[in-house]
C-alpha atoms as a PDB file:
ATOM      1  CA  MET A   1     -59.968 214.476  55.444  1.00  0.00           C
ATOM      2  CA  ALA A   2     -58.427 217.744  56.423  1.00  0.00           C
ATOM      3  CA  ALA A   3     -61.658 219.093  57.943  1.00  0.00           C
ATOM      4  CA  TYR A   4     -61.858 215.955  60.043  1.00  0.00           C
ATOM      5  CA  VAL A   5     -58.324 216.201  61.209  1.00  0.00           C
ATOM      6  CA  ASP A   6     -59.041 220.084  61.987  1.00  0.00           C
ATOM      7  CA  SER A   7     -62.247 219.048  63.944  1.00  0.00           C
ATOM      8  CA  GLN A   8     -60.075 216.333  65.993  1.00  0.00           C
ATOM      9  CA  ARG A   9     -57.631 219.084  66.947  1.00  0.00           C
ATOM     10  CA  LYS A  10     -60.362 221.451  67.995  1.00  0.00           C
ATOM     11  CA  TRP A  11     -61.812 218.656  70.006  1.00  0.00           C
ATOM     12  CA  VAL A  12     -58.575 217.664  71.715  1.00  0.00           C
ATOM     13  CA  ALA A  13     -58.249 221.378  72.562  1.00  0.00           C
ATOM     14  CA  CYS A  14     -61.779 221.374  74.167  1.00  0.00           C
ATOM     15  CA  MET A  15     -60.853 218.301  76.312  1.00  0.00           C
ATOM     16  CA  ARG A  16     -57.705 219.813  77.428  1.00  0.00           C
ATOM     17  CA  HIS A  17     -59.589 223.108  78.380  1.00  0.00           C
ATOM     18  CA  ASN A  18     -61.739 220.694  80.571  1.00  0.00           C
ATOM     19  CA  GLY A  19     -59.237 219.248  82.241  1.00  0.00           C
ATOM     20  CA  ILE A  20     -58.410 216.021  80.175  1.00  0.00           C
ATOM     21  CA  ASP A  21     -54.734 215.735  78.775  1.00  0.00           C
ATOM     22  CA  LEU A  22     -54.836 214.156  75.622  1.00  0.00           C
ATOM     23  CA  PRO A  23     -52.200 213.703  72.933  1.00  0.00           C
ATOM     24  CA  ASP A  24     -52.523 215.620  69.653  1.00  0.00           C
ATOM     25  CA  PRO A  25     -54.478 213.812  66.747  1.00  0.00           C
ATOM     26  CA  ASN A  26     -52.044 211.891  64.262  1.00  0.00           C
ATOM     27  CA  THR A  27     -52.229 213.059  60.479  1.00  0.00           C
ATOM     28  CA  LYS A  28     -55.288 211.013  59.967  1.00  0.00           C
ATOM     29  CA  GLY A  29     -57.122 212.633  62.951  1.00  0.00           C
ATOM     30  CA  GLN A  30     -56.810 209.576  65.515  1.00  0.00           C
ATOM     31  CA  VAL A  31     -56.207 210.460  69.057  1.00  0.00           C
ATOM     32  CA  ASP A  32     -54.325 207.598  70.759  1.00  0.00           C
ATOM     33  CA  MET A  33     -56.059 207.090  74.175  1.00  0.00           C
ATOM     34  CA  SER A  34     -54.545 203.429  74.548  1.00  0.00           C
ATOM     35  CA  GLY A  35     -51.992 204.480  77.274  1.00  0.00           C
ATOM     36  CA  GLN A  36     -54.687 205.773  79.641  1.00  0.00           C
ATOM     37  CA  GLY A  37     -57.268 202.948  78.850  1.00  0.00           C
ATOM     38  CA  LEU A  38     -60.638 202.357  80.356  1.00  0.00           C
ATOM     39  CA  ALA A  39     -59.957 204.224  83.492  1.00  0.00           C
ATOM     40  CA  LEU A  40     -59.942 207.544  81.684  1.00  0.00           C
ATOM     41  CA  LYS A  41     -63.013 206.583  79.968  1.00  0.00           C
ATOM     42  CA  LYS A  42     -64.858 205.886  83.378  1.00  0.00           C
ATOM     43  CA  ASP A  43     -63.350 209.000  84.977  1.00  0.00           C
ATOM     44  CA  PRO A  44     -66.374 211.481  85.589  1.00  0.00           C
ATOM     45  CA  LYS A  45     -64.163 214.387  84.630  1.00  0.00           C
ATOM     46  CA  PHE A  46     -63.707 212.836  81.217  1.00  0.00           C
ATOM     47  CA  ILE A  47     -67.177 212.096  80.712  1.00  0.00           C
ATOM     48  CA  GLY A  48     -68.184 215.491  81.646  1.00  0.00           C
ATOM     49  CA  ALA A  49     -65.522 216.884  79.303  1.00  0.00           C
ATOM     50  CA  SER A  50     -66.582 214.446  76.563  1.00  0.00           C
ATOM     51  CA  GLN A  51     -70.308 215.721  76.876  1.00  0.00           C
ATOM     52  CA  LYS A  52     -68.998 219.422  76.807  1.00  0.00           C
ATOM     53  CA  CYS A  53     -66.943 218.735  73.614  1.00  0.00           C
ATOM     54  CA  ALA A  54     -69.501 216.407  71.752  1.00  0.00           C
ATOM     55  CA  LYS A  55     -70.598 218.885  69.330  1.00  0.00           C
ATOM     56  CA  ILE A  56     -67.065 219.605  68.180  1.00  0.00           C
ATOM     57  CA  ARG A  57     -66.143 215.962  67.541  1.00  0.00           C
ATOM     58  CA  ALA A  58     -66.731 214.907  64.031  1.00  0.00           C
ATOM     59  CA  THR A  59     -67.784 211.532  62.677  1.00  0.00           C
ATOM     60  CA  VAL A  60     -65.002 209.348  61.254  1.00  0.00           C
ATOM     61  CA  PRO A  61     -65.133 209.415  57.755  1.00  0.00           C
ATOM     62  CA  GLN A  62     -66.450 206.630  55.981  1.00  0.00           C
ATOM     63  CA  GLY A  63     -63.150 205.942  54.134  1.00  0.00           C
ATOM     64  CA  LEU A  64     -60.951 206.368  57.100  1.00  0.00           C
ATOM     65  CA  GLU A  65     -63.122 204.256  59.333  1.00  0.00           C
ATOM     66  CA  GLU A  66     -63.179 201.429  56.717  1.00  0.00           C
ATOM     67  CA  ALA A  67     -59.209 201.930  56.249  1.00  0.00           C
ATOM     68  CA  ASN A  68     -58.746 201.488  59.942  1.00  0.00           C
ATOM     69  CA  GLU A  69     -60.696 198.090  59.926  1.00  0.00           C
ATOM     70  CA  PRO A  70     -59.305 195.136  58.117  1.00  0.00           C
ATOM     71  CA  LYS A  71     -61.822 192.482  57.073  1.00  0.00           C
ATOM     72  CA  LEU A  72     -62.190 189.721  59.440  1.00  0.00           C
ATOM     73  CA  THR A  73     -62.589 186.289  58.061  1.00  0.00           C
ATOM     74  CA  PRO A  74     -65.486 184.251  58.749  1.00  0.00           C
ATOM     75  CA  ALA A  75     -63.725 182.071  61.386  1.00  0.00           C
ATOM     76  CA  GLN A  76     -62.652 185.463  63.265  1.00  0.00           C
ATOM     77  CA  ILE A  77     -66.040 186.625  63.194  1.00  0.00           C
ATOM     78  CA  LYS A  78     -67.344 183.379  64.735  1.00  0.00           C
ATOM     79  CA  VAL A  79     -64.800 183.539  67.552  1.00  0.00           C
ATOM     80  CA  GLY A  80     -65.942 187.011  68.412  1.00  0.00           C
ATOM     81  CA  ARG A  81     -69.573 185.825  68.468  1.00  0.00           C
ATOM     82  CA  ASP A  82     -68.648 182.696  70.488  1.00  0.00           C
ATOM     83  CA  TYR A  83     -66.660 185.144  72.741  1.00  0.00           C
ATOM     84  CA  ALA A  84     -69.599 187.459  73.444  1.00  0.00           C
ATOM     85  CA  ALA A  85     -71.914 184.639  74.104  1.00  0.00           C
ATOM     86  CA  CYS A  86     -69.291 182.952  76.487  1.00  0.00           C
ATOM     87  CA  MET A  87     -69.012 186.302  78.354  1.00  0.00           C
ATOM     88  CA  GLN A  88     -72.633 186.755  78.573  1.00  0.00           C
ATOM     89  CA  LYS A  89     -73.378 183.404  79.893  1.00  0.00           C
ATOM     90  CA  ASN A  90     -70.517 183.515  82.568  1.00  0.00           C
ATOM     91  CA  GLY A  91     -71.251 186.665  84.430  1.00  0.00           C
ATOM     92  CA  ALA A  92     -70.775 189.599  81.853  1.00  0.00           C
ATOM     93  CA  ALA A  93     -74.332 189.766  80.850  1.00  0.00           C
ATOM     94  CA  ASP A  94     -73.833 193.491  79.394  1.00  0.00           C
ATOM     95  CA  PHE A  95     -70.956 192.228  77.379  1.00  0.00           C
ATOM     96  CA  PRO A  96     -71.784 193.654  73.623  1.00  0.00           C
ATOM     97  CA  ASP A  97     -72.530 191.521  70.797  1.00  0.00           C
ATOM     98  CA  PRO A  98     -70.226 191.925  67.775  1.00  0.00           C
ATOM     99  CA  ASP A  99     -71.678 193.857  64.603  1.00  0.00           C
ATOM    100  CA  PRO A 100     -72.225 191.772  61.575  1.00  0.00           C
ATOM    101  CA  ASP A 101     -68.500 192.557  60.191  1.00  0.00           C
ATOM    102  CA  GLY A 102     -67.422 191.055  63.881  1.00  0.00           C
ATOM    103  CA  TYR A 103     -66.179 194.136  65.342  1.00  0.00           C
ATOM    104  CA  GLY A 104     -67.857 195.954  68.684  1.00  0.00           C
ATOM    105  CA  SER A 105     -69.688 199.184  68.581  1.00  0.00           C
ATOM    106  CA  ASN A 106     -68.115 202.523  68.712  1.00  0.00           C
ATOM    107  CA  ASP A 107     -70.339 205.462  69.741  1.00  0.00           C
ATOM    108  CA  ASN A 108     -67.427 207.688  70.311  1.00  0.00           C
ATOM    109  CA  SER A 109     -69.260 208.658  73.691  1.00  0.00           C
ATOM    110  CA  GLY A 110     -66.285 207.876  75.817  1.00  0.00           C
ATOM    111  CA  GLN A 111     -68.363 205.797  77.864  1.00  0.00           C
ATOM    112  CA  SER A 112     -67.697 201.936  78.274  1.00  0.00           C
ATOM    113  CA  GLU A 113     -70.369 199.658  76.850  1.00  0.00           C
ATOM    114  CA  TRP A 114     -69.879 197.054  79.639  1.00  0.00           C
ATOM    115  CA  ASP A 115     -68.648 196.915  83.075  1.00  0.00           C
ATOM    116  CA  GLN A 116     -65.026 195.298  82.792  1.00  0.00           C
ATOM    117  CA  ASP A 117     -64.415 195.800  86.338  1.00  0.00           C
ATOM    118  CA  SER A 118     -67.230 193.836  87.944  1.00  0.00           C
ATOM    119  CA  ALA A 119     -66.524 190.333  89.513  1.00  0.00           C
ATOM    120  CA  GLY A 120     -68.514 188.506  86.976  1.00  0.00           C
ATOM    121  CA  ALA A 121     -66.725 190.243  84.096  1.00  0.00           C
ATOM    122  CA  LYS A 122     -63.337 189.345  85.525  1.00  0.00           C
ATOM    123  CA  ARG A 123     -64.618 185.763  86.052  1.00  0.00           C
ATOM    124  CA  ALA A 124     -66.080 185.549  82.486  1.00  0.00           C
ATOM    125  CA  THR A 125     -62.842 186.979  81.050  1.00  0.00           C
ATOM    126  CA  ARG A 126     -60.856 184.126  82.648  1.00  0.00           C
ATOM    127  CA  VAL A 127     -63.277 181.510  81.537  1.00  0.00           C
ATOM    128  CA  CYS A 128     -63.624 182.720  78.051  1.00  0.00           C
ATOM    129  CA  ALA A 129     -60.106 183.570  77.325  1.00  0.00           C
ATOM    130  CA  PRO A 130     -59.360 180.203  75.358  1.00  0.00           C
ATOM    131  CA  ILE A 131     -61.880 180.981  72.916  1.00  0.00           C
ATOM    132  CA  LEU A 132     -59.695 184.032  71.606  1.00  0.00           C
ATOM    133  CA  GLY A 133     -56.839 181.664  71.400  1.00  0.00           C
ATOM    134  CA  ARG A 134     -58.882 180.140  68.510  1.00  0.00           C
ATOM    135  CA  SER A 135     -57.985 183.107  66.186  1.00  0.00           C
ATOM    136  CA  ALA A 136     -54.606 184.608  65.363  1.00  0.00           C
ATOM    137  CA  ASN A 137     -56.316 187.955  65.288  1.00  0.00           C
ATOM    138  CA  PRO A 138     -59.180 188.112  67.873  1.00  0.00           C
ATOM    139  CA  PRO A 139     -61.970 191.190  67.095  1.00  0.00           C
ATOM    140  CA  ALA A 140     -60.827 193.886  69.590  1.00  0.00           C
ATOM    141  CA  GLY A 141     -63.745 196.228  68.510  1.00  0.00           C
ATOM    142  CA  LYS A 142     -63.716 199.596  67.301  1.00  0.00           C
ATOM    143  CA  GLY A 143     -62.216 202.312  69.424  1.00  0.00           C
END
């Protein structure tokens, strides 16, 4: 765990050196980019820095990754699958299918898996939103 946290600190330092201001990792090595959202991940400067710093970034240790993801119920997994199918059918053809555990994939590349800003994606999000209401904890995906 300590090696992972140290690796994350080095990755953040590399990103900062390349012009991307990220917060320090927490005690588990997690870097909270939630305040900066998808706009940051689409920024060419972020993509370039991510590519330059990729070799520094370590894979999340198995135990930590599993600890961060609560098990979804079969009903929650079905909601995730239904939502993905709805999104794909209603204008977001590139919306990813959930993995067998009900989560989206996380490749740590900093690149979005689907175009959330397209007109089709925005329309699909409105049309499919009621599906997420069927679950108290809809699958948000990894990372």
